[in-house]
């Protein structure tokens, strides 16, 4: 985990609604690094490589982390 002011975070469109809170925020502006944080805990930033991000995204899409299962 790291906290770097060089990241520019953005939210998914669904999270931009004021009624939705506690959304993941992603930063892609630092070459070779993907940063993710929780909108309610912006001081905690987790970083990973682009390859690690792709692996995570693929696993999420495949349902590996489905909490309802």
PDB file of N, CA and C in Angstrom:
ATOM      1  N   UNK A   1       0.845  -1.170   0.000  1.00  0.00           N
ATOM      2  CA  UNK A   1       0.000   0.000   0.000  1.00  0.00           C
ATOM      3  C   UNK A   1       0.888   1.230   0.000  1.00  0.00           C
ATOM      4  N   UNK A   2       0.375   2.243  -0.637  1.00  0.00           N
ATOM      5  CA  UNK A   2       1.121   3.489  -0.693  1.00  0.00           C
ATOM      6  C   UNK A   2       0.166   4.657  -0.765  1.00  0.00           C
ATOM      7  N   UNK A   3       0.611   5.819  -0.418  1.00  0.00           N
ATOM      8  CA  UNK A   3      -0.186   7.028  -0.531  1.00  0.00           C
ATOM      9  C   UNK A   3       0.638   8.012  -1.332  1.00  0.00           C
ATOM     10  N   UNK A   4       0.231   8.260  -2.556  1.00  0.00           N
ATOM     11  CA  UNK A   4       0.999   9.133  -3.431  1.00  0.00           C
ATOM     12  C   UNK A   4       0.121  10.230  -4.000  1.00  0.00           C
ATOM     13  N   UNK A   5       0.506  11.485  -3.839  1.00  0.00           N
ATOM     14  CA  UNK A   5      -0.290  12.581  -4.384  1.00  0.00           C
ATOM     15  C   UNK A   5      -0.222  12.665  -5.911  1.00  0.00           C
ATOM     16  N   UNK A   6       0.608  11.851  -6.547  1.00  0.00           N
ATOM     17  CA  UNK A   6       0.727  11.879  -7.990  1.00  0.00           C
ATOM     18  C   UNK A   6      -0.414  11.182  -8.716  1.00  0.00           C
ATOM     19  N   UNK A   7      -1.255  10.459  -7.990  1.00  0.00           N
ATOM     20  CA  UNK A   7      -2.351   9.739  -8.624  1.00  0.00           C
ATOM     21  C   UNK A   7      -3.551  10.668  -8.836  1.00  0.00           C
ATOM     22  N   UNK A   8      -4.203  10.501  -9.977  1.00  0.00           N
ATOM     23  CA  UNK A   8      -5.450  11.206 -10.259  1.00  0.00           C
ATOM     24  C   UNK A   8      -6.549  10.153 -10.314  1.00  0.00           C
ATOM     25  N   UNK A   9      -7.381  10.120  -9.286  1.00  0.00           N
ATOM     26  CA  UNK A   9      -8.397   9.081  -9.153  1.00  0.00           C
ATOM     27  C   UNK A   9      -9.701   9.473  -9.840  1.00  0.00           C
ATOM     28  N   UNK A  10     -10.403   8.454 -10.326  1.00  0.00           N
ATOM     29  CA  UNK A  10     -11.718   8.637 -10.932  1.00  0.00           C
ATOM     30  C   UNK A  10     -12.620   7.502 -10.473  1.00  0.00           C
ATOM     31  N   UNK A  11     -13.923   7.740 -10.564  1.00  0.00           N
ATOM     32  CA  UNK A  11     -14.922   6.741 -10.182  1.00  0.00           C
ATOM     33  C   UNK A  11     -15.670   6.273 -11.424  1.00  0.00           C
ATOM     34  N   UNK A  12     -16.240   5.106 -11.322  1.00  0.00           N
ATOM     35  CA  UNK A  12     -17.120   4.623 -12.382  1.00  0.00           C
ATOM     36  C   UNK A  12     -18.337   5.534 -12.456  1.00  0.00           C
ATOM     37  N   UNK A  13     -18.960   5.612 -13.618  1.00  0.00           N
ATOM     38  CA  UNK A  13     -20.116   6.481 -13.811  1.00  0.00           C
ATOM     39  C   UNK A  13     -21.218   6.201 -12.788  1.00  0.00           C
ATOM     40  N   UNK A  14     -21.447   4.934 -12.450  1.00  0.00           N
ATOM     41  CA  UNK A  14     -22.495   4.575 -11.492  1.00  0.00           C
ATOM     42  C   UNK A  14     -22.222   5.170 -10.113  1.00  0.00           C
ATOM     43  N   UNK A  15     -20.994   5.427  -9.793  1.00  0.00           N
ATOM     44  CA  UNK A  15     -20.625   5.959  -8.482  1.00  0.00           C
ATOM     45  C   UNK A  15     -20.628   7.481  -8.433  1.00  0.00           C
ATOM     46  N   UNK A  16     -20.869   8.114  -9.530  1.00  0.00           N
ATOM     47  CA  UNK A  16     -20.874   9.584  -9.542  1.00  0.00           C
ATOM     48  C   UNK A  16     -22.203  10.146  -9.055  1.00  0.00           C
ATOM     49  N   UNK A  17     -23.191   9.275  -8.898  1.00  0.00           N
ATOM     50  CA  UNK A  17     -24.488   9.661  -8.364  1.00  0.00           C
ATOM     51  C   UNK A  17     -24.317   9.968  -6.881  1.00  0.00           C
ATOM     52  N   UNK A  18     -24.797  11.103  -6.423  1.00  0.00           N
ATOM     53  CA  UNK A  18     -24.625  11.530  -5.021  1.00  0.00           C
ATOM     54  C   UNK A  18     -25.263  10.548  -4.034  1.00  0.00           C
ATOM     55  N   UNK A  19     -26.228   9.746  -4.485  1.00  0.00           N
ATOM     56  CA  UNK A  19     -26.881   8.780  -3.598  1.00  0.00           C
ATOM     57  C   UNK A  19     -26.027   7.544  -3.375  1.00  0.00           C
ATOM     58  N   UNK A  20     -25.005   7.366  -4.182  1.00  0.00           N
ATOM     59  CA  UNK A  20     -24.120   6.209  -4.069  1.00  0.00           C
ATOM     60  C   UNK A  20     -22.842   6.658  -3.374  1.00  0.00           C
ATOM     61  N   UNK A  21     -22.433   5.935  -2.363  1.00  0.00           N
ATOM     62  CA  UNK A  21     -21.174   6.277  -1.703  1.00  0.00           C
ATOM     63  C   UNK A  21     -20.357   5.008  -1.518  1.00  0.00           C
ATOM     64  N   UNK A  22     -19.187   5.153  -0.985  1.00  0.00           N
ATOM     65  CA  UNK A  22     -18.298   4.024  -0.739  1.00  0.00           C
ATOM     66  C   UNK A  22     -17.970   3.282  -2.032  1.00  0.00           C
ATOM     67  N   UNK A  23     -17.431   4.009  -2.987  1.00  0.00           N
ATOM     68  CA  UNK A  23     -17.100   3.445  -4.297  1.00  0.00           C
ATOM     69  C   UNK A  23     -15.590   3.283  -4.462  1.00  0.00           C
ATOM     70  N   UNK A  24     -15.188   2.284  -5.240  1.00  0.00           N
ATOM     71  CA  UNK A  24     -13.768   2.195  -5.564  1.00  0.00           C
ATOM     72  C   UNK A  24     -13.389   3.319  -6.524  1.00  0.00           C
ATOM     73  N   UNK A  25     -12.196   3.835  -6.355  1.00  0.00           N
ATOM     74  CA  UNK A  25     -11.659   4.865  -7.235  1.00  0.00           C
ATOM     75  C   UNK A  25     -10.362   4.338  -7.831  1.00  0.00           C
ATOM     76  N   UNK A  26     -10.167   4.580  -9.110  1.00  0.00           N
ATOM     77  CA  UNK A  26      -9.020   4.040  -9.833  1.00  0.00           C
ATOM     78  C   UNK A  26      -8.203   5.174 -10.425  1.00  0.00           C
ATOM     79  N   UNK A  27      -6.886   5.024 -10.389  1.00  0.00           N
ATOM     80  CA  UNK A  27      -5.977   5.971 -11.042  1.00  0.00           C
ATOM     81  C   UNK A  27      -5.115   5.211 -12.037  1.00  0.00           C
ATOM     82  N   UNK A  28      -5.076   5.723 -13.254  1.00  0.00           N
ATOM     83  CA  UNK A  28      -4.288   5.095 -14.325  1.00  0.00           C
ATOM     84  C   UNK A  28      -3.255   6.054 -14.898  1.00  0.00           C
ATOM     85  N   UNK A  29      -3.045   7.182 -14.246  1.00  0.00           N
ATOM     86  CA  UNK A  29      -2.201   8.229 -14.816  1.00  0.00           C
ATOM     87  C   UNK A  29      -0.700   8.052 -14.580  1.00  0.00           C
ATOM     88  N   UNK A  30      -0.301   7.083 -13.777  1.00  0.00           N
ATOM     89  CA  UNK A  30       1.123   6.834 -13.547  1.00  0.00           C
ATOM     90  C   UNK A  30       1.515   5.622 -14.390  1.00  0.00           C
ATOM     91  N   UNK A  31       2.379   5.785 -15.366  1.00  0.00           N
ATOM     92  CA  UNK A  31       2.733   4.689 -16.274  1.00  0.00           C
ATOM     93  C   UNK A  31       3.166   3.422 -15.535  1.00  0.00           C
ATOM     94  N   UNK A  32       2.577   2.295 -15.961  1.00  0.00           N
ATOM     95  CA  UNK A  32       2.938   1.002 -15.393  1.00  0.00           C
ATOM     96  C   UNK A  32       2.296   0.694 -14.061  1.00  0.00           C
ATOM     97  N   UNK A  33       1.464   1.607 -13.546  1.00  0.00           N
ATOM     98  CA  UNK A  33       0.865   1.427 -12.230  1.00  0.00           C
ATOM     99  C   UNK A  33      -0.625   1.686 -12.279  1.00  0.00           C
ATOM    100  N   UNK A  34      -1.378   0.809 -11.631  1.00  0.00           N
ATOM    101  CA  UNK A  34      -2.798   1.023 -11.407  1.00  0.00           C
ATOM    102  C   UNK A  34      -2.948   1.210  -9.904  1.00  0.00           C
ATOM    103  N   UNK A  35      -3.633   2.271  -9.506  1.00  0.00           N
ATOM    104  CA  UNK A  35      -3.864   2.529  -8.083  1.00  0.00           C
ATOM    105  C   UNK A  35      -5.360   2.465  -7.819  1.00  0.00           C
ATOM    106  N   UNK A  36      -5.718   1.900  -6.678  1.00  0.00           N
ATOM    107  CA  UNK A  36      -7.124   1.779  -6.302  1.00  0.00           C
ATOM    108  C   UNK A  36      -7.268   2.191  -4.843  1.00  0.00           C
ATOM    109  N   UNK A  37      -8.393   2.852  -4.552  1.00  0.00           N
ATOM    110  CA  UNK A  37      -8.679   3.235  -3.173  1.00  0.00           C
ATOM    111  C   UNK A  37     -10.188   3.232  -2.968  1.00  0.00           C
ATOM    112  N   UNK A  38     -10.597   3.231  -1.720  1.00  0.00           N
ATOM    113  CA  UNK A  38     -11.998   3.311  -1.327  1.00  0.00           C
ATOM    114  C   UNK A  38     -12.328   4.785  -1.126  1.00  0.00           C
ATOM    115  N   UNK A  39     -13.439   5.252  -1.681  1.00  0.00           N
ATOM    116  CA  UNK A  39     -13.791   6.664  -1.567  1.00  0.00           C
ATOM    117  C   UNK A  39     -13.981   7.102  -0.112  1.00  0.00           C
ATOM    118  N   UNK A  40     -14.311   6.170   0.764  1.00  0.00           N
ATOM    119  CA  UNK A  40     -14.479   6.506   2.182  1.00  0.00           C
ATOM    120  C   UNK A  40     -13.168   6.463   2.954  1.00  0.00           C
ATOM    121  N   UNK A  41     -12.113   5.904   2.351  1.00  0.00           N
ATOM    122  CA  UNK A  41     -10.791   5.846   2.983  1.00  0.00           C
ATOM    123  C   UNK A  41      -9.732   6.262   1.967  1.00  0.00           C
ATOM    124  N   UNK A  42      -9.767   7.499   1.492  1.00  0.00           N
ATOM    125  CA  UNK A  42      -8.883   7.927   0.405  1.00  0.00           C
ATOM    126  C   UNK A  42      -7.398   7.929   0.755  1.00  0.00           C
ATOM    127  N   UNK A  43      -7.070   7.836   2.026  1.00  0.00           N
ATOM    128  CA  UNK A  43      -5.668   7.822   2.416  1.00  0.00           C
ATOM    129  C   UNK A  43      -4.993   6.471   2.237  1.00  0.00           C
ATOM    130  N   UNK A  44      -5.784   5.435   1.997  1.00  0.00           N
ATOM    131  CA  UNK A  44      -5.245   4.083   1.813  1.00  0.00           C
ATOM    132  C   UNK A  44      -5.290   3.760   0.320  1.00  0.00           C
ATOM    133  N   UNK A  45      -4.118   3.657  -0.283  1.00  0.00           N
ATOM    134  CA  UNK A  45      -4.009   3.423  -1.722  1.00  0.00           C
ATOM    135  C   UNK A  45      -3.256   2.113  -1.952  1.00  0.00           C
ATOM    136  N   UNK A  46      -3.835   1.249  -2.761  1.00  0.00           N
ATOM    137  CA  UNK A  46      -3.201  -0.012  -3.129  1.00  0.00           C
ATOM    138  C   UNK A  46      -2.762   0.107  -4.585  1.00  0.00           C
ATOM    139  N   UNK A  47      -1.533  -0.270  -4.859  1.00  0.00           N
ATOM    140  CA  UNK A  47      -1.035  -0.194  -6.230  1.00  0.00           C
ATOM    141  C   UNK A  47      -0.723  -1.584  -6.759  1.00  0.00           C
ATOM    142  N   UNK A  48      -0.785  -1.709  -8.081  1.00  0.00           N
ATOM    143  CA  UNK A  48      -0.452  -2.956  -8.754  1.00  0.00           C
ATOM    144  C   UNK A  48      -0.003  -2.636 -10.167  1.00  0.00           C
ATOM    145  N   UNK A  49       0.591  -3.620 -10.798  1.00  0.00           N
ATOM    146  CA  UNK A  49       1.001  -3.445 -12.189  1.00  0.00           C
ATOM    147  C   UNK A  49      -0.234  -3.597 -13.081  1.00  0.00           C
ATOM    148  N   UNK A  50      -0.092  -3.195 -14.330  1.00  0.00           N
ATOM    149  CA  UNK A  50      -1.190  -3.357 -15.290  1.00  0.00           C
ATOM    150  C   UNK A  50      -1.538  -4.838 -15.462  1.00  0.00           C
ATOM    151  N   UNK A  51      -0.542  -5.710 -15.481  1.00  0.00           N
ATOM    152  CA  UNK A  51      -0.806  -7.153 -15.595  1.00  0.00           C
ATOM    153  C   UNK A  51      -1.569  -7.679 -14.381  1.00  0.00           C
ATOM    154  N   UNK A  52      -1.204  -7.226 -13.201  1.00  0.00           N
ATOM    155  CA  UNK A  52      -1.916  -7.645 -11.998  1.00  0.00           C
ATOM    156  C   UNK A  52      -3.358  -7.143 -12.031  1.00  0.00           C
ATOM    157  N   UNK A  53      -3.559  -5.935 -12.526  1.00  0.00           N
ATOM    158  CA  UNK A  53      -4.906  -5.373 -12.651  1.00  0.00           C
ATOM    159  C   UNK A  53      -5.753  -6.221 -13.614  1.00  0.00           C
ATOM    160  N   UNK A  54      -5.168  -6.598 -14.744  1.00  0.00           N
ATOM    161  CA  UNK A  54      -5.890  -7.437 -15.712  1.00  0.00           C
ATOM    162  C   UNK A  54      -6.272  -8.780 -15.089  1.00  0.00           C
ATOM    163  N   UNK A  55      -5.353  -9.366 -14.327  1.00  0.00           N
ATOM    164  CA  UNK A  55      -5.638 -10.638 -13.651  1.00  0.00           C
ATOM    165  C   UNK A  55      -6.782 -10.465 -12.659  1.00  0.00           C
ATOM    166  N   UNK A  56      -6.740  -9.417 -11.881  1.00  0.00           N
ATOM    167  CA  UNK A  56      -7.801  -9.141 -10.912  1.00  0.00           C
ATOM    168  C   UNK A  56      -9.134  -8.918 -11.626  1.00  0.00           C
ATOM    169  N   UNK A  57      -9.150  -8.091 -12.653  1.00  0.00           N
ATOM    170  CA  UNK A  57     -10.389  -7.802 -13.379  1.00  0.00           C
ATOM    171  C   UNK A  57     -10.980  -9.068 -13.990  1.00  0.00           C
ATOM    172  N   UNK A  58     -10.138  -9.911 -14.543  1.00  0.00           N
ATOM    173  CA  UNK A  58     -10.600 -11.179 -15.132  1.00  0.00           C
ATOM    174  C   UNK A  58     -11.219 -12.066 -14.057  1.00  0.00           C
ATOM    175  N   UNK A  59     -10.580 -12.141 -12.898  1.00  0.00           N
ATOM    176  CA  UNK A  59     -11.099 -12.963 -11.801  1.00  0.00           C
ATOM    177  C   UNK A  59     -12.439 -12.421 -11.293  1.00  0.00           C
ATOM    178  N   UNK A  60     -12.559 -11.120 -11.176  1.00  0.00           N
ATOM    179  CA  UNK A  60     -13.819 -10.523 -10.721  1.00  0.00           C
ATOM    180  C   UNK A  60     -14.925 -10.817 -11.728  1.00  0.00           C
ATOM    181  N   UNK A  61     -14.641 -10.618 -13.010  1.00  0.00           N
ATOM    182  CA  UNK A  61     -15.629 -10.886 -14.059  1.00  0.00           C
ATOM    183  C   UNK A  61     -16.042 -12.355 -14.081  1.00  0.00           C
ATOM    184  N   UNK A  62     -15.134 -13.243 -13.732  1.00  0.00           N
ATOM    185  CA  UNK A  62     -15.430 -14.679 -13.724  1.00  0.00           C
ATOM    186  C   UNK A  62     -16.172 -15.121 -12.465  1.00  0.00           C
ATOM    187  N   UNK A  63     -16.374 -14.197 -11.522  1.00  0.00           N
ATOM    188  CA  UNK A  63     -17.119 -14.524 -10.308  1.00  0.00           C
ATOM    189  C   UNK A  63     -16.307 -15.109  -9.187  1.00  0.00           C
ATOM    190  N   UNK A  64     -14.980 -15.062  -9.291  1.00  0.00           N
ATOM    191  CA  UNK A  64     -14.136 -15.654  -8.234  1.00  0.00           C
ATOM    192  C   UNK A  64     -14.340 -15.010  -6.875  1.00  0.00           C
ATOM    193  N   UNK A  65     -14.765 -13.763  -6.858  1.00  0.00           N
ATOM    194  CA  UNK A  65     -14.933 -13.046  -5.594  1.00  0.00           C
ATOM    195  C   UNK A  65     -16.393 -12.726  -5.327  1.00  0.00           C
ATOM    196  N   UNK A  66     -17.295 -13.531  -5.860  1.00  0.00           N
ATOM    197  CA  UNK A  66     -18.721 -13.319  -5.692  1.00  0.00           C
ATOM    198  C   UNK A  66     -19.110 -13.658  -4.254  1.00  0.00           C
ATOM    199  N   UNK A  67     -19.482 -12.661  -3.481  1.00  0.00           N
ATOM    200  CA  UNK A  67     -19.807 -12.866  -2.074  1.00  0.00           C
ATOM    201  C   UNK A  67     -21.177 -13.515  -1.871  1.00  0.00           C
ATOM    202  N   UNK A  68     -22.000 -13.525  -2.918  1.00  0.00           N
ATOM    203  CA  UNK A  68     -23.314 -14.138  -2.788  1.00  0.00           C
ATOM    204  C   UNK A  68     -23.301 -15.636  -3.051  1.00  0.00           C
ATOM    205  N   UNK A  69     -22.154 -16.143  -3.476  1.00  0.00           N
ATOM    206  CA  UNK A  69     -22.070 -17.576  -3.804  1.00  0.00           C
ATOM    207  C   UNK A  69     -21.911 -18.413  -2.559  1.00  0.00           C
TER     208      UNK A  69
END
